[in-house]
Amino acid sequence: METLDYEIIINAPKEKVWDALFASENYGQWTQFFSPGSQMKTDWQVNGKTYFVNQEGAGMVSTIGSLEKPNQVVFKHLGMVDKDGVEDTESMEIKQWSGCSEKYFLIDYDAQTKLHVEVQVEKEWEEHIATGFTKGLEVVKKIAEGN
């Protein structure tokens, strides 16, 4: 498992950066580089359910390990969900990466916000994830600075 880090300085307060990341009207814009039509469905509860899915409804099932809006959120990925809503958190393939995390930290930085992201991935997904975050965080910056 690899841990990848990404940072970007955004000329906007943390609340606007948070909304640029997680508001439903914005999420699909910056995550298009991972999968077009991406959506996040969450109850915003620690230990609740969060789904990161494509336009067909298939993707990852996760939970929130910690939440301090608008300062930080840590997602813990548990498994996969298919387009019919069937979750797999127990297969051998899933257990190899289940529990990996995706962390977002929003830090006050000289009247701006430093967005720091840490994500754990398997080696074969490293390039895909790197491309997604590198391009995606530029979109987050444009959204937050434009509103």
Protein backbone atom coordinates (compact mmCIF):
# COMPACT_ATOMS: atom_id res chain seq x y z
CA MET A 1 0.00 0.00 0.00
CA GLU A 2 1.32 3.42 -1.00
CA THR A 3 0.46 6.72 0.70
CA LEU A 4 0.21 9.62 -1.73
CA ASP A 5 0.14 13.29 -0.66
CA TYR A 6 -1.22 16.31 -2.51
CA GLU A 7 -1.31 19.98 -1.53
CA ILE A 8 -2.68 23.12 -3.07
CA ILE A 9 -3.00 26.68 -1.80
CA ILE A 10 -6.42 28.19 -2.48
CA ASN A 11 -7.28 31.88 -2.19
CA ALA A 12 -10.54 31.27 -0.33
CA PRO A 13 -11.66 30.52 3.24
CA LYS A 14 -11.91 26.92 4.43
CA GLU A 15 -15.71 26.90 4.20
CA LYS A 16 -15.61 27.68 0.47
CA VAL A 17 -12.93 25.05 -0.11
CA TRP A 18 -15.01 22.49 1.82
CA ASP A 19 -18.04 23.29 -0.35
CA ALA A 20 -15.91 23.10 -3.51
CA LEU A 21 -14.85 19.60 -2.45
CA PHE A 22 -18.05 18.11 -1.09
CA ALA A 23 -21.17 20.02 -2.18
CA SER A 24 -23.12 17.75 -4.52
CA GLU A 25 -23.08 20.32 -7.33
CA ASN A 26 -19.25 20.50 -7.17
CA TYR A 27 -18.11 16.98 -6.31
CA GLY A 28 -18.64 15.52 -9.79
CA GLN A 29 -16.74 18.39 -11.41
CA TRP A 30 -13.42 17.73 -9.73
CA THR A 31 -13.75 13.94 -9.51
CA GLN A 32 -14.44 13.55 -13.24
CA PHE A 33 -10.75 12.67 -13.65
CA PHE A 34 -11.27 9.54 -11.54
CA SER A 35 -14.54 8.55 -13.19
CA PRO A 36 -16.96 10.70 -15.24
CA GLY A 37 -20.27 11.13 -13.44
CA SER A 38 -18.78 10.50 -9.98
CA GLN A 39 -21.02 11.09 -7.00
CA MET A 40 -20.56 10.96 -3.26
CA LYS A 41 -23.54 9.85 -1.18
CA THR A 42 -23.04 10.18 2.56
CA ASP A 43 -24.91 10.59 5.81
CA TRP A 44 -21.95 12.69 7.13
CA GLN A 45 -21.89 10.54 10.27
CA VAL A 46 -18.75 9.12 11.85
CA ASN A 47 -19.01 5.33 11.36
CA GLY A 48 -21.99 5.87 9.03
CA LYS A 49 -22.10 5.01 5.33
CA THR A 50 -20.50 6.88 2.45
CA TYR A 51 -20.61 5.75 -1.17
CA PHE A 52 -18.24 6.95 -3.90
CA VAL A 53 -19.96 5.80 -7.07
CA ASN A 54 -19.91 6.26 -10.84
CA GLN A 55 -22.93 7.27 -12.91
CA GLU A 56 -24.18 3.66 -12.90
CA GLY A 57 -24.09 3.56 -9.07
CA ALA A 58 -21.11 1.21 -8.74
CA GLY A 59 -18.02 2.10 -6.73
CA MET A 60 -16.69 2.09 -3.18
CA VAL A 61 -18.46 1.78 0.13
CA SER A 62 -16.73 3.66 2.91
CA THR A 63 -17.25 5.21 6.32
CA ILE A 64 -16.14 8.42 7.97
CA GLY A 65 -13.44 7.75 10.55
CA SER A 66 -13.31 11.33 11.80
CA LEU A 67 -14.99 14.59 10.89
CA GLU A 68 -14.37 18.17 11.92
CA LYS A 69 -16.09 20.33 9.33
CA PRO A 70 -14.59 22.44 7.68
CA ASN A 71 -11.15 21.44 8.98
CA GLN A 72 -10.80 17.75 8.18
CA VAL A 73 -12.47 14.53 7.20
CA VAL A 74 -11.04 11.03 7.07
CA PHE A 75 -12.77 8.40 4.95
CA LYS A 76 -12.03 4.73 5.56
CA HIS A 77 -12.72 2.56 2.52
CA LEU A 78 -14.46 -0.71 3.35
CA GLY A 79 -15.23 -2.39 0.04
CA MET A 80 -17.08 -2.17 -3.25
CA VAL A 81 -20.73 -1.75 -4.19
CA ASP A 82 -22.16 -2.84 -7.55
CA LYS A 83 -24.75 -1.01 -9.62
CA ASP A 84 -27.50 -3.03 -7.93
CA GLY A 85 -26.40 -1.85 -4.48
CA VAL A 86 -24.81 -5.15 -3.44
CA GLU A 87 -21.84 -4.52 -1.15
CA ASP A 88 -18.69 -6.65 -0.99
CA THR A 89 -16.61 -6.06 2.13
CA GLU A 90 -15.57 -9.67 2.74
CA SER A 91 -13.98 -11.14 -0.39
CA MET A 92 -10.24 -11.89 -0.38
CA GLU A 93 -9.64 -9.27 -3.09
CA ILE A 94 -11.37 -6.57 -1.00
CA LYS A 95 -9.65 -7.56 2.24
CA GLN A 96 -6.28 -6.81 0.61
CA TRP A 97 -7.06 -3.06 0.63
CA SER A 98 -10.04 -2.65 2.96
CA GLY A 99 -9.32 -0.10 5.65
CA CYS A 100 -7.21 2.19 3.49
CA SER A 101 -7.89 5.86 4.11
CA GLU A 102 -8.48 9.08 2.23
CA LYS A 103 -7.84 12.20 4.32
CA TYR A 104 -8.62 15.85 3.64
CA PHE A 105 -7.12 18.60 5.81
CA LEU A 106 -8.02 22.27 5.34
CA ILE A 107 -5.55 24.58 7.06
CA ASP A 108 -5.64 28.37 7.47
CA TYR A 109 -2.63 29.68 5.56
CA ASP A 110 -1.98 33.44 5.41
CA ALA A 111 -5.62 34.38 4.68
CA GLN A 112 -5.80 31.46 2.26
CA THR A 113 -6.46 27.74 2.69
CA LYS A 114 -3.91 24.99 2.32
CA LEU A 115 -5.69 21.83 1.19
CA HIS A 116 -3.69 18.73 2.05
CA VAL A 117 -4.88 15.31 0.88
CA GLU A 118 -3.44 11.92 1.84
CA VAL A 119 -4.68 8.78 0.18
CA GLN A 120 -3.60 5.15 0.55
CA VAL A 121 -3.67 3.13 -2.65
CA GLU A 122 -2.37 -0.10 -4.07
CA LYS A 123 0.65 0.36 -6.33
CA GLU A 124 -1.23 -0.44 -9.56
CA TRP A 125 -3.69 2.46 -8.93
CA GLU A 126 -1.01 5.05 -8.12
CA GLU A 127 -0.85 6.70 -11.58
CA HIS A 128 -4.66 6.88 -11.93
CA ILE A 129 -5.06 8.42 -8.46
CA ALA A 130 -2.17 10.85 -9.02
CA THR A 131 -3.72 12.08 -12.27
CA GLY A 132 -7.14 12.40 -10.64
CA PHE A 133 -5.94 14.46 -7.70
CA THR A 134 -3.46 16.58 -9.66
CA LYS A 135 -6.11 17.66 -12.17
CA GLY A 136 -9.02 17.52 -9.73
CA LEU A 137 -7.53 19.82 -7.09
CA GLU A 138 -6.99 22.49 -9.75
CA VAL A 139 -10.76 22.34 -10.39
CA VAL A 140 -11.42 22.60 -6.63
CA LYS A 141 -9.23 25.72 -6.59
CA LYS A 142 -11.15 27.30 -9.50
CA ILE A 143 -14.52 26.52 -7.91
CA ALA A 144 -13.55 27.87 -4.47
CA GLU A 145 -11.87 31.00 -5.81
CA GLY A 146 -14.68 31.68 -8.28
CA ASN A 147 -17.59 31.74 -5.83
